[in-house]
Amino acid sequence: MTQTTTTPDFPPPAGAVRVHDWERPRGGMPYRFVLFADRTVTDHPVRVSAHAFQWADGALADGTGAGGNGVEAPGIALIDAELRSLNSD
């Protein structure tokens, strides 16, 4: 018996700039990692980078483990282009 699988054919979320390949977890819904455009902070070298996991049905993972994978909710990262420590200023 031969089992074939297809790659989900769902568009990335609006604003996505980089989309990874679909992951095929055992027993769970396929998902992929998506990066969005970085945003900058006025008069500072810091960038804000947003990311999310997208399920094969088009929904974004909310961190509750839907699909049996336990992937994380959308998030952001603060990145200092000059590799300096960040503070509240």
C-alpha atoms as a PDB file:
ATOM      1  CA  MET A   1       0.000   0.000   0.000  1.00  0.00           C
ATOM      2  CA  THR A   2       1.408   3.355  -1.025  1.00  0.00           C
ATOM      3  CA  GLN A   3       0.493   6.499   0.831  1.00  0.00           C
ATOM      4  CA  THR A   4       1.011   9.863  -0.819  1.00  0.00           C
ATOM      5  CA  THR A   5       1.067  13.203   0.897  1.00  0.00           C
ATOM      6  CA  THR A   6       0.549  16.583  -0.679  1.00  0.00           C
ATOM      7  CA  THR A   7       2.034  19.903   0.270  1.00  0.00           C
ATOM      8  CA  PRO A   8      -0.606  22.269   1.675  1.00  0.00           C
ATOM      9  CA  ASP A   9      -1.591  24.902  -0.860  1.00  0.00           C
ATOM     10  CA  PHE A  10      -2.433  27.853   1.357  1.00  0.00           C
ATOM     11  CA  PRO A  11      -1.018  31.369   0.878  1.00  0.00           C
ATOM     12  CA  PRO A  12       1.251  32.848   3.542  1.00  0.00           C
ATOM     13  CA  PRO A  13      -0.223  35.478   5.878  1.00  0.00           C
ATOM     14  CA  ALA A  14      -0.346  39.084   4.653  1.00  0.00           C
ATOM     15  CA  GLY A  15       2.962  40.855   5.215  1.00  0.00           C
ATOM     16  CA  ALA A  16       5.102  37.702   5.250  1.00  0.00           C
ATOM     17  CA  VAL A  17       8.575  38.254   3.789  1.00  0.00           C
ATOM     18  CA  ARG A  18      10.079  34.812   4.348  1.00  0.00           C
ATOM     19  CA  VAL A  19       8.223  31.515   4.466  1.00  0.00           C
ATOM     20  CA  HIS A  20       9.906  28.238   5.422  1.00  0.00           C
ATOM     21  CA  ASP A  21       8.976  24.834   4.007  1.00  0.00           C
ATOM     22  CA  TRP A  22       6.088  22.906   5.508  1.00  0.00           C
ATOM     23  CA  GLU A  23       7.012  20.610   8.413  1.00  0.00           C
ATOM     24  CA  ARG A  24       5.259  17.261   8.513  1.00  0.00           C
ATOM     25  CA  PRO A  25       4.968  16.153  12.138  1.00  0.00           C
ATOM     26  CA  ARG A  26       3.976  12.604  12.928  1.00  0.00           C
ATOM     27  CA  GLY A  27       0.258  12.594  13.693  1.00  0.00           C
ATOM     28  CA  GLY A  28      -0.195  16.366  13.677  1.00  0.00           C
ATOM     29  CA  MET A  29      -1.250  19.043  11.239  1.00  0.00           C
ATOM     30  CA  PRO A  30       1.536  20.381   8.983  1.00  0.00           C
ATOM     31  CA  TYR A  31       2.875  23.829   9.835  1.00  0.00           C
ATOM     32  CA  ARG A  32       5.515  26.284   8.643  1.00  0.00           C
ATOM     33  CA  PHE A  33       7.556  29.123  10.139  1.00  0.00           C
ATOM     34  CA  VAL A  34       6.852  32.618   8.782  1.00  0.00           C
ATOM     35  CA  LEU A  35       8.861  35.835   9.211  1.00  0.00           C
ATOM     36  CA  PHE A  36       7.427  39.304   8.727  1.00  0.00           C
ATOM     37  CA  ALA A  37       9.131  42.548   7.695  1.00  0.00           C
ATOM     38  CA  ASP A  38      11.369  44.072  10.362  1.00  0.00           C
ATOM     39  CA  ARG A  39      10.349  47.423  11.768  1.00  0.00           C
ATOM     40  CA  THR A  40      12.765  50.048  13.046  1.00  0.00           C
ATOM     41  CA  VAL A  41      12.719  52.400  16.005  1.00  0.00           C
ATOM     42  CA  THR A  42      13.229  56.109  15.310  1.00  0.00           C
ATOM     43  CA  ASP A  43      16.723  57.397  16.154  1.00  0.00           C
ATOM     44  CA  HIS A  44      17.927  53.995  17.391  1.00  0.00           C
ATOM     45  CA  PRO A  45      19.599  51.015  15.686  1.00  0.00           C
ATOM     46  CA  VAL A  46      17.088  48.551  17.157  1.00  0.00           C
ATOM     47  CA  ARG A  47      14.814  46.503  14.892  1.00  0.00           C
ATOM     48  CA  VAL A  48      11.602  44.702  15.807  1.00  0.00           C
ATOM     49  CA  SER A  49      11.229  41.339  14.087  1.00  0.00           C
ATOM     50  CA  ALA A  50       7.886  39.460  14.080  1.00  0.00           C
ATOM     51  CA  HIS A  51       7.368  35.730  13.471  1.00  0.00           C
ATOM     52  CA  ALA A  52       4.614  33.113  13.586  1.00  0.00           C
ATOM     53  CA  PHE A  53       3.819  29.496  12.795  1.00  0.00           C
ATOM     54  CA  GLN A  54       1.092  28.912  10.210  1.00  0.00           C
ATOM     55  CA  TRP A  55      -1.001  25.743  10.177  1.00  0.00           C
ATOM     56  CA  ALA A  56      -1.870  23.995   6.902  1.00  0.00           C
ATOM     57  CA  ASP A  57      -5.438  25.322   7.168  1.00  0.00           C
ATOM     58  CA  GLY A  58      -4.159  28.925   7.063  1.00  0.00           C
ATOM     59  CA  ALA A  59      -4.615  29.710  10.768  1.00  0.00           C
ATOM     60  CA  LEU A  60      -1.733  31.019  12.869  1.00  0.00           C
ATOM     61  CA  ALA A  61      -0.672  28.927  15.844  1.00  0.00           C
ATOM     62  CA  ASP A  62      -1.789  30.435  19.144  1.00  0.00           C
ATOM     63  CA  GLY A  63       0.512  28.400  21.384  1.00  0.00           C
ATOM     64  CA  THR A  64      -2.170  26.045  22.709  1.00  0.00           C
ATOM     65  CA  GLY A  65      -0.766  22.995  20.947  1.00  0.00           C
ATOM     66  CA  ALA A  66      -3.533  22.593  18.376  1.00  0.00           C
ATOM     67  CA  GLY A  67      -2.661  19.911  15.861  1.00  0.00           C
ATOM     68  CA  GLY A  68      -0.571  18.009  18.408  1.00  0.00           C
ATOM     69  CA  ASN A  69       2.618  19.987  17.829  1.00  0.00           C
ATOM     70  CA  GLY A  70       2.771  22.511  20.664  1.00  0.00           C
ATOM     71  CA  VAL A  71       4.326  25.191  18.459  1.00  0.00           C
ATOM     72  CA  GLU A  72       4.506  28.673  19.942  1.00  0.00           C
ATOM     73  CA  ALA A  73       2.224  31.665  19.486  1.00  0.00           C
ATOM     74  CA  PRO A  74       3.256  34.593  17.263  1.00  0.00           C
ATOM     75  CA  GLY A  75       6.054  36.627  18.773  1.00  0.00           C
ATOM     76  CA  ILE A  76       8.499  39.462  18.361  1.00  0.00           C
ATOM     77  CA  ALA A  77      12.226  39.874  18.898  1.00  0.00           C
ATOM     78  CA  LEU A  78      14.123  43.085  19.547  1.00  0.00           C
ATOM     79  CA  ILE A  79      17.429  43.156  17.686  1.00  0.00           C
ATOM     80  CA  ASP A  80      20.111  45.825  18.168  1.00  0.00           C
ATOM     81  CA  ALA A  81      22.017  46.217  14.902  1.00  0.00           C
ATOM     82  CA  GLU A  82      25.135  47.307  16.828  1.00  0.00           C
ATOM     83  CA  LEU A  83      24.929  44.293  19.200  1.00  0.00           C
ATOM     84  CA  ARG A  84      24.661  46.528  22.247  1.00  0.00           C
ATOM     85  CA  SER A  85      22.652  45.733  25.354  1.00  0.00           C
ATOM     86  CA  LEU A  86      19.140  47.107  25.306  1.00  0.00           C
ATOM     87  CA  ASN A  87      17.564  49.011  28.191  1.00  0.00           C
ATOM     88  CA  SER A  88      14.270  50.799  28.813  1.00  0.00           C
ATOM     89  CA  ASP A  89      15.572  54.042  27.264  1.00  0.00           C
END
